[in-house]
Amino acid sequence: MKFSKLFLIALSVSLFVSCSNDDDDNDSNEPKGVYDNGFFILNEGSQTKGTISFLSDDLATFSKDVYGLNNNNDLPGGYLQNIFFDGDNAYIISGGSNVINVVNRYTFKLITKIETGLRNPRYGVTYEGKAYVTNANYYSFENAATGNTDDYIAVINLKTNTFESKIDLNATANRIVEENGKLYITEPYSSTKLLVVNAATKTVETPIEIGSKADGIEEDNGTLYILRGPSSDRSEIVKVKLSDKSVSKITFPESLDGAGYLALEDNKIYYTVGTSVYTIGTSATAASTTPILTATLSATGYIYGFAVNDDRIYIADGGTFGTDSKAFIYNLTGTLQKEIAVGIGPNGFYFND
């Protein structure tokens, strides 16, 4: 009798655990919401209104304005600049309205708005429960050539979604990445420095000399890859090895003057010049001058957003900023897979899977 009871109990427990594990496996494979398994296209828009579009990974389901659709036509603000993610949340930065809209990334329902501590916010990253957002502060076109030195980082508490403090940079700040608790920030104008900030101590450390007009920045396997755009000298890809801060450069030939955007994917560097896309390996020492594709954009169009993800190349046409524009998806050999009409001034792609 004792053996039979013990056997039955053990069998029951085994079946329960098995069923529970099966349920967990099934749950993990189910979509988390309408906007799982797809990507967002950020449309910069005007000073008062930008939009966010969505396209599913199979390129079959499209929504032109997912924010307005799911939030009773509430506006996310103008000059939408960047989206970053933390857990189930997406943070939409509006530089024109000095607000960060916090939404559920899978339903796009508004959770809250962060409206304090921001002035001309640009780009954000997260680290250990905090978001770090670059702010152009009192930006002026008069100082654009030399840089605005009052920029700062806004520190956001992600548990409460509130502004917590700021880190003064005494420099111009734009794009930002985080690696091992350090924030690396590009200065897009005349400064030749890459800013380095210790997130834990909120202090600015010794900058790294990389050259002027740095913009795009990506990190892979302990190395930063930074694109220096049009300037008096040649465009370059700058590599910074983080273990020892050593710097090496790939200087573009004159035929590639005016590089625009940079992306990393599967040990390859992708970059744009004009409306063309080029690629080289991350260990390359010279730039390729043979494009893998040249996009056919509108008559007044130019590449204004660029990404490479999961065997696809994504290009946004800046258009005229007076009317809606388009986005294009290519495979890695340059064959067009999808062309879609989006909002005004599409400037970025953000992948939700």
Protein backbone atom coordinates (compact mmCIF):
# COMPACT_ATOMS: atom_id res chain seq x y z
CA MET A 1 0.00 0.00 0.00
CA LYS A 2 2.76 2.43 0.89
CA PHE A 3 4.55 1.73 -2.39
CA SER A 4 1.37 2.17 -4.43
CA LYS A 5 0.55 5.48 -2.77
CA LEU A 6 4.07 6.76 -3.23
CA PHE A 7 4.04 5.67 -6.88
CA LEU A 8 0.75 7.42 -7.54
CA ILE A 9 1.95 10.61 -5.84
CA ALA A 10 5.19 10.57 -7.83
CA LEU A 11 3.27 9.96 -11.07
CA SER A 12 0.90 12.82 -10.31
CA VAL A 13 3.78 15.21 -9.57
CA SER A 14 5.56 14.12 -12.74
CA LEU A 15 2.48 14.70 -14.87
CA PHE A 16 1.88 18.09 -13.24
CA VAL A 17 5.46 19.27 -13.82
CA SER A 18 5.36 17.96 -17.38
CA CYS A 19 2.12 19.75 -18.14
CA SER A 20 3.39 22.93 -16.48
CA ASN A 21 6.57 22.85 -18.55
CA ASP A 22 4.55 22.26 -21.72
CA ASP A 23 2.35 25.22 -20.86
CA ASP A 24 5.44 27.38 -20.27
CA ASP A 25 6.90 26.32 -23.61
CA ASN A 26 3.65 27.07 -25.39
CA ASP A 27 3.35 30.45 -23.67
CA SER A 28 6.90 31.41 -24.62
CA ASN A 29 6.12 30.80 -28.29
CA GLU A 30 2.96 32.87 -28.29
CA PRO A 31 3.11 36.52 -29.39
CA LYS A 32 3.26 38.96 -26.48
CA GLY A 33 1.00 41.40 -28.27
CA VAL A 34 -0.11 42.79 -31.60
CA TYR A 35 3.30 44.35 -32.27
CA ASP A 36 5.51 41.42 -31.35
CA ASN A 37 7.58 39.98 -34.22
CA GLY A 38 7.94 43.14 -36.23
CA PHE A 39 9.60 46.54 -36.28
CA PHE A 40 8.74 50.18 -35.80
CA ILE A 41 9.58 53.00 -38.19
CA LEU A 42 10.01 56.33 -36.42
CA ASN A 43 8.66 59.28 -38.42
CA GLU A 44 10.21 62.52 -37.21
CA GLY A 45 7.31 64.67 -38.38
CA SER A 46 6.92 68.36 -37.59
CA GLN A 47 7.67 70.40 -34.49
CA THR A 48 4.34 69.37 -32.99
CA LYS A 49 3.53 65.95 -34.46
CA GLY A 50 5.47 62.82 -35.33
CA THR A 51 4.19 59.29 -35.86
CA ILE A 52 5.33 55.68 -35.48
CA SER A 53 4.60 53.03 -38.13
CA PHE A 54 4.76 49.24 -37.74
CA LEU A 55 5.49 46.41 -40.18
CA SER A 56 5.47 42.72 -39.27
CA ASP A 57 8.52 40.54 -39.89
CA ASP A 58 6.76 38.71 -42.71
CA LEU A 59 6.17 42.13 -44.35
CA ALA A 60 2.43 41.41 -44.54
CA THR A 61 0.88 43.49 -41.73
CA PHE A 62 1.34 47.26 -41.73
CA SER A 63 -0.01 50.09 -39.60
CA LYS A 64 0.91 53.65 -40.45
CA ASP A 65 0.36 55.24 -37.01
CA VAL A 66 0.36 52.70 -34.17
CA TYR A 67 0.69 55.32 -31.43
CA GLY A 68 -2.36 57.34 -32.43
CA LEU A 69 -4.33 54.17 -33.18
CA ASN A 70 -3.84 52.78 -29.68
CA ASN A 71 -4.01 55.98 -27.64
CA ASN A 72 -7.18 57.77 -28.74
CA ASN A 73 -5.25 59.97 -31.17
CA ASP A 74 -3.00 61.34 -28.43
CA LEU A 75 0.12 62.93 -29.92
CA PRO A 76 3.59 61.64 -28.97
CA GLY A 77 5.07 65.08 -29.68
CA GLY A 78 7.09 66.55 -32.51
CA TYR A 79 10.48 65.86 -34.06
CA LEU A 80 10.53 62.26 -32.85
CA GLN A 81 14.18 61.34 -32.46
CA ASN A 82 14.76 57.88 -31.02
CA ILE A 83 13.18 54.77 -29.49
CA PHE A 84 14.89 52.62 -26.86
CA PHE A 85 13.59 49.57 -25.00
CA ASP A 86 13.66 48.28 -21.45
CA GLY A 87 11.82 45.06 -20.64
CA ASP A 88 8.27 45.30 -21.96
CA ASN A 89 8.47 49.07 -22.33
CA ALA A 90 9.40 51.27 -25.26
CA TYR A 91 10.57 54.85 -24.71
CA ILE A 92 9.82 57.30 -27.53
CA ILE A 93 11.91 60.48 -27.44
CA SER A 94 10.32 63.67 -28.77
CA GLY A 95 12.96 66.35 -29.19
CA GLY A 96 10.43 68.95 -30.35
CA SER A 97 8.15 68.57 -27.35
CA ASN A 98 10.69 67.69 -24.62
CA VAL A 99 8.87 64.51 -23.67
CA ILE A 100 9.52 60.76 -23.51
CA ASN A 101 6.41 58.67 -24.12
CA VAL A 102 6.50 55.33 -22.28
CA VAL A 103 4.41 52.64 -23.96
CA ASN A 104 4.07 48.88 -23.78
CA ARG A 105 6.20 47.72 -26.69
CA TYR A 106 3.78 44.92 -27.62
CA THR A 107 0.46 46.80 -27.42
CA PHE A 108 1.73 50.38 -27.81
CA LYS A 109 -0.64 51.52 -25.10
CA LEU A 110 0.61 54.62 -23.29
CA ILE A 111 1.86 54.01 -19.75
CA THR A 112 3.08 57.49 -18.84
CA LYS A 113 4.89 60.55 -20.15
CA ILE A 114 8.19 61.83 -18.78
CA GLU A 115 8.01 65.62 -19.11
CA THR A 116 10.57 67.00 -16.66
CA GLY A 117 14.35 67.24 -16.83
CA LEU A 118 14.44 67.21 -20.64
CA ARG A 119 15.50 69.85 -23.12
CA ASN A 120 15.98 68.88 -26.76
CA PRO A 121 16.41 65.18 -25.87
CA ARG A 122 18.21 63.10 -28.51
CA TYR A 123 19.17 59.46 -27.86
CA GLY A 124 18.86 57.05 -24.94
CA VAL A 125 20.31 53.83 -23.53
CA THR A 126 19.57 51.80 -20.40
CA TYR A 127 21.82 50.35 -17.72
CA GLU A 128 20.96 48.76 -14.36
CA GLY A 129 17.53 50.29 -13.90
CA LYS A 130 18.35 53.72 -15.31
CA ALA A 131 17.99 55.38 -18.69
CA TYR A 132 20.61 57.83 -19.90
CA VAL A 133 19.34 60.34 -22.45
CA THR A 134 21.49 62.92 -24.23
CA ASN A 135 20.03 66.44 -24.33
CA ALA A 136 21.09 69.18 -26.74
CA ASN A 137 19.81 71.69 -24.16
CA TYR A 138 19.85 75.32 -25.40
CA TYR A 139 20.89 74.41 -28.93
CA SER A 140 21.52 77.30 -31.28
CA PHE A 141 22.26 77.24 -34.98
CA GLU A 142 24.78 80.03 -34.44
CA ASN A 143 26.93 77.65 -32.39
CA ALA A 144 26.31 74.55 -34.51
CA ALA A 145 29.63 74.80 -36.34
CA THR A 146 31.63 74.85 -33.13
CA GLY A 147 29.27 72.94 -30.88
CA ASN A 148 27.02 73.78 -27.94
CA THR A 149 28.82 73.14 -24.67
CA ASP A 150 25.81 73.10 -22.32
CA ASP A 151 24.56 69.63 -23.28
CA TYR A 152 23.85 67.05 -20.58
CA ILE A 153 22.64 63.52 -19.89
CA ALA A 154 19.24 63.14 -18.21
CA VAL A 155 19.15 60.17 -15.82
CA ILE A 156 15.73 58.47 -15.73
CA ASN A 157 14.62 56.03 -13.02
CA LEU A 158 13.03 53.16 -14.98
CA LYS A 159 11.08 51.82 -12.00
CA THR A 160 9.17 55.06 -11.55
CA ASN A 161 9.68 56.48 -15.06
CA THR A 162 10.73 59.82 -13.61
CA PHE A 163 13.63 62.20 -14.10
CA GLU A 164 16.21 61.64 -11.38
CA SER A 165 19.26 63.80 -12.08
CA LYS A 166 21.49 65.12 -14.82
CA ILE A 167 25.13 64.81 -15.77
CA ASP A 168 26.62 68.01 -17.18
CA LEU A 169 28.96 67.32 -20.09
CA ASN A 170 30.41 70.75 -20.89
CA ALA A 171 30.38 69.54 -24.47
CA THR A 172 28.07 68.74 -27.38
CA ALA A 173 26.27 65.39 -27.13
CA ASN A 174 24.47 63.28 -29.67
CA ARG A 175 24.42 59.49 -30.11
CA ILE A 176 25.15 57.26 -27.13
CA VAL A 177 26.01 53.61 -26.44
CA GLU A 178 26.65 51.78 -23.17
CA GLU A 179 29.23 49.08 -22.53
CA ASN A 180 30.30 47.71 -19.14
CA GLY A 181 28.89 50.68 -17.25
CA LYS A 182 30.53 53.30 -19.44
CA LEU A 183 28.60 55.68 -21.70
CA TYR A 184 30.24 56.62 -24.99
CA ILE A 185 28.86 59.72 -26.69
CA THR A 186 29.63 61.22 -30.09
CA GLU A 187 30.05 64.95 -30.65
CA PRO A 188 28.75 65.74 -34.14
CA TYR A 189 30.49 69.04 -34.84
CA SER A 190 34.01 70.41 -34.56
CA SER A 191 35.09 68.55 -31.43
CA THR A 192 37.50 65.70 -32.07
CA LYS A 193 36.63 63.87 -28.85
CA LEU A 194 34.52 60.83 -27.99
CA LEU A 195 32.98 61.53 -24.59
CA VAL A 196 33.26 58.88 -21.86
CA VAL A 197 30.97 58.92 -18.82
CA ASN A 198 31.03 56.56 -15.84
CA ALA A 199 27.37 55.70 -15.24
CA ALA A 200 27.89 54.62 -11.61
CA THR A 201 29.71 57.74 -10.49
CA LYS A 202 28.05 60.09 -12.99
CA THR A 203 31.40 61.60 -13.86
CA VAL A 204 32.94 62.54 -17.18
CA GLU A 205 36.19 60.68 -17.76
CA THR A 206 39.08 61.42 -20.10
CA PRO A 207 37.71 61.61 -23.65
CA ILE A 208 39.13 59.62 -26.58
CA GLU A 209 40.58 61.40 -29.59
CA ILE A 210 38.78 60.19 -32.75
CA GLY A 211 38.45 63.18 -35.12
CA SER A 212 35.68 65.69 -35.78
CA LYS A 213 32.10 65.23 -37.01
CA ALA A 214 31.56 61.81 -35.51
CA ASP A 215 27.99 60.58 -35.70
CA GLY A 216 26.95 56.92 -35.99
CA ILE A 217 28.33 54.63 -33.28
CA GLU A 218 27.94 50.88 -32.68
CA GLU A 219 29.61 48.41 -30.32
CA ASP A 220 30.54 44.81 -31.08
CA ASN A 221 32.76 42.37 -29.21
CA GLY A 222 34.57 45.02 -27.19
CA THR A 223 35.15 47.47 -30.03
CA LEU A 224 33.36 50.70 -30.89
CA TYR A 225 32.79 51.47 -34.56
CA ILE A 226 32.24 55.17 -35.22
CA LEU A 227 31.43 56.88 -38.52
CA ARG A 228 32.90 60.29 -39.22
CA GLY A 229 30.90 62.02 -41.91
CA PRO A 230 31.52 64.86 -44.39
CA SER A 231 34.25 67.25 -43.34
CA SER A 232 37.31 69.05 -44.67
CA ASP A 233 39.15 65.74 -44.63
CA ARG A 234 37.96 62.28 -45.68
CA SER A 235 35.13 60.29 -44.13
CA GLU A 236 36.34 57.51 -41.85
CA ILE A 237 35.29 54.52 -39.81
CA VAL A 238 37.07 54.78 -36.46
CA LYS A 239 37.59 51.64 -34.36
CA VAL A 240 38.14 52.05 -30.62
CA LYS A 241 39.26 48.93 -28.74
CA LEU A 242 37.73 49.40 -25.30
CA SER A 243 40.21 47.24 -23.40
CA ASP A 244 43.06 49.68 -24.00
CA LYS A 245 41.36 52.65 -25.76
CA SER A 246 43.55 52.11 -28.83
CA VAL A 247 42.29 53.71 -32.04
CA SER A 248 42.55 52.59 -35.66
CA LYS A 249 40.90 54.09 -38.72
CA ILE A 250 39.61 53.16 -42.15
CA THR A 251 39.91 56.31 -44.24
CA PHE A 252 37.58 56.44 -47.23
CA PRO A 253 38.89 57.32 -50.71
CA GLU A 254 37.78 60.56 -52.34
CA SER A 255 35.11 58.69 -54.33
CA LEU A 256 33.34 57.88 -51.04
CA ASP A 257 33.38 61.38 -49.63
CA GLY A 258 30.29 62.14 -47.58
CA ALA A 259 29.48 58.91 -45.71
CA GLY A 260 26.10 59.02 -44.00
CA TYR A 261 25.11 56.03 -41.85
CA LEU A 262 26.66 53.00 -40.18
CA ALA A 263 25.30 49.61 -39.05
CA LEU A 264 26.84 46.35 -37.77
CA GLU A 265 25.44 42.88 -38.39
CA ASP A 266 27.03 39.42 -38.30
CA ASN A 267 30.67 40.62 -38.23
CA LYS A 268 30.11 43.04 -41.09
CA ILE A 269 30.09 46.82 -41.27
CA TYR A 270 27.48 48.42 -43.51
CA TYR A 271 27.73 52.09 -44.45
CA THR A 272 26.04 54.52 -46.81
CA VAL A 273 27.35 57.14 -49.19
CA GLY A 274 24.71 59.10 -51.10
CA THR A 275 21.96 56.60 -51.87
CA SER A 276 24.31 53.58 -52.03
CA VAL A 277 25.11 50.91 -49.42
CA TYR A 278 28.53 49.27 -49.00
CA THR A 279 29.82 46.51 -46.74
CA ILE A 280 33.14 45.26 -45.36
CA GLY A 281 34.16 42.82 -42.62
CA THR A 282 34.74 44.15 -39.12
CA SER A 283 38.42 43.22 -39.44
CA ALA A 284 38.85 45.07 -42.74
CA THR A 285 41.47 47.80 -43.05
CA ALA A 286 40.17 49.41 -46.25
CA ALA A 287 36.77 50.60 -47.45
CA SER A 288 34.88 48.95 -50.27
CA THR A 289 34.08 51.17 -53.27
CA THR A 290 31.60 48.72 -54.81
CA PRO A 291 28.03 49.18 -53.57
CA ILE A 292 25.82 46.19 -52.82
CA LEU A 293 22.78 48.32 -53.69
CA THR A 294 21.79 51.80 -54.78
CA ALA A 295 18.35 52.83 -53.61
CA THR A 296 15.88 54.46 -55.96
CA LEU A 297 14.40 57.24 -53.85
CA SER A 298 12.10 60.17 -54.59
CA ALA A 299 13.29 63.02 -56.79
CA THR A 300 14.28 65.08 -53.76
CA GLY A 301 14.97 62.08 -51.55
CA TYR A 302 18.00 61.05 -49.53
CA ILE A 303 18.78 58.37 -46.97
CA TYR A 304 17.54 59.64 -43.60
CA GLY A 305 17.27 56.35 -41.72
CA PHE A 306 19.29 53.14 -42.06
CA ALA A 307 19.52 49.73 -40.38
CA VAL A 308 20.63 46.17 -41.07
CA ASN A 309 18.93 43.33 -39.18
CA ASP A 310 18.30 39.61 -39.76
CA ASP A 311 19.45 39.46 -43.39
CA ARG A 312 17.68 42.65 -44.45
CA ILE A 313 18.73 46.22 -45.18
CA TYR A 314 16.32 49.00 -44.19
CA ILE A 315 16.39 52.44 -45.79
CA ALA A 316 14.19 55.47 -45.06
CA ASP A 317 13.74 58.27 -47.60
CA GLY A 318 13.81 61.66 -45.87
CA GLY A 319 11.63 63.18 -48.58
CA THR A 320 10.56 66.82 -48.40
CA PHE A 321 9.36 66.96 -44.77
CA GLY A 322 6.14 68.45 -46.12
CA THR A 323 4.44 65.20 -47.11
CA ASP A 324 4.56 61.53 -46.18
CA SER A 325 7.59 59.61 -47.36
CA LYS A 326 8.64 55.97 -47.90
CA ALA A 327 10.72 53.17 -46.44
CA PHE A 328 12.40 50.37 -48.39
CA ILE A 329 13.47 46.86 -47.36
CA TYR A 330 16.14 44.96 -49.32
CA ASN A 331 17.81 41.60 -48.89
CA LEU A 332 21.58 41.51 -48.41
CA THR A 333 22.23 41.10 -52.14
CA GLY A 334 20.35 44.32 -52.90
CA THR A 335 17.00 42.97 -54.12
CA LEU A 336 14.03 45.13 -53.09
CA GLN A 337 11.56 43.16 -50.95
CA LYS A 338 9.13 45.83 -49.79
CA GLU A 339 8.31 49.50 -50.37
CA ILE A 340 5.90 51.17 -47.96
CA ALA A 341 4.42 54.64 -47.52
CA VAL A 342 5.08 55.87 -43.98
CA GLY A 343 4.92 59.26 -42.25
CA ILE A 344 6.84 62.51 -42.58
CA GLY A 345 10.62 62.31 -42.22
CA PRO A 346 11.22 58.63 -41.38
CA ASN A 347 14.53 58.50 -39.51
CA GLY A 348 14.96 55.10 -37.83
CA PHE A 349 14.03 51.42 -37.53
CA TYR A 350 13.51 49.64 -34.19
CA PHE A 351 13.14 45.87 -33.99
CA ASN A 352 10.67 44.36 -31.53
CA ASP A 353 11.64 40.68 -31.41
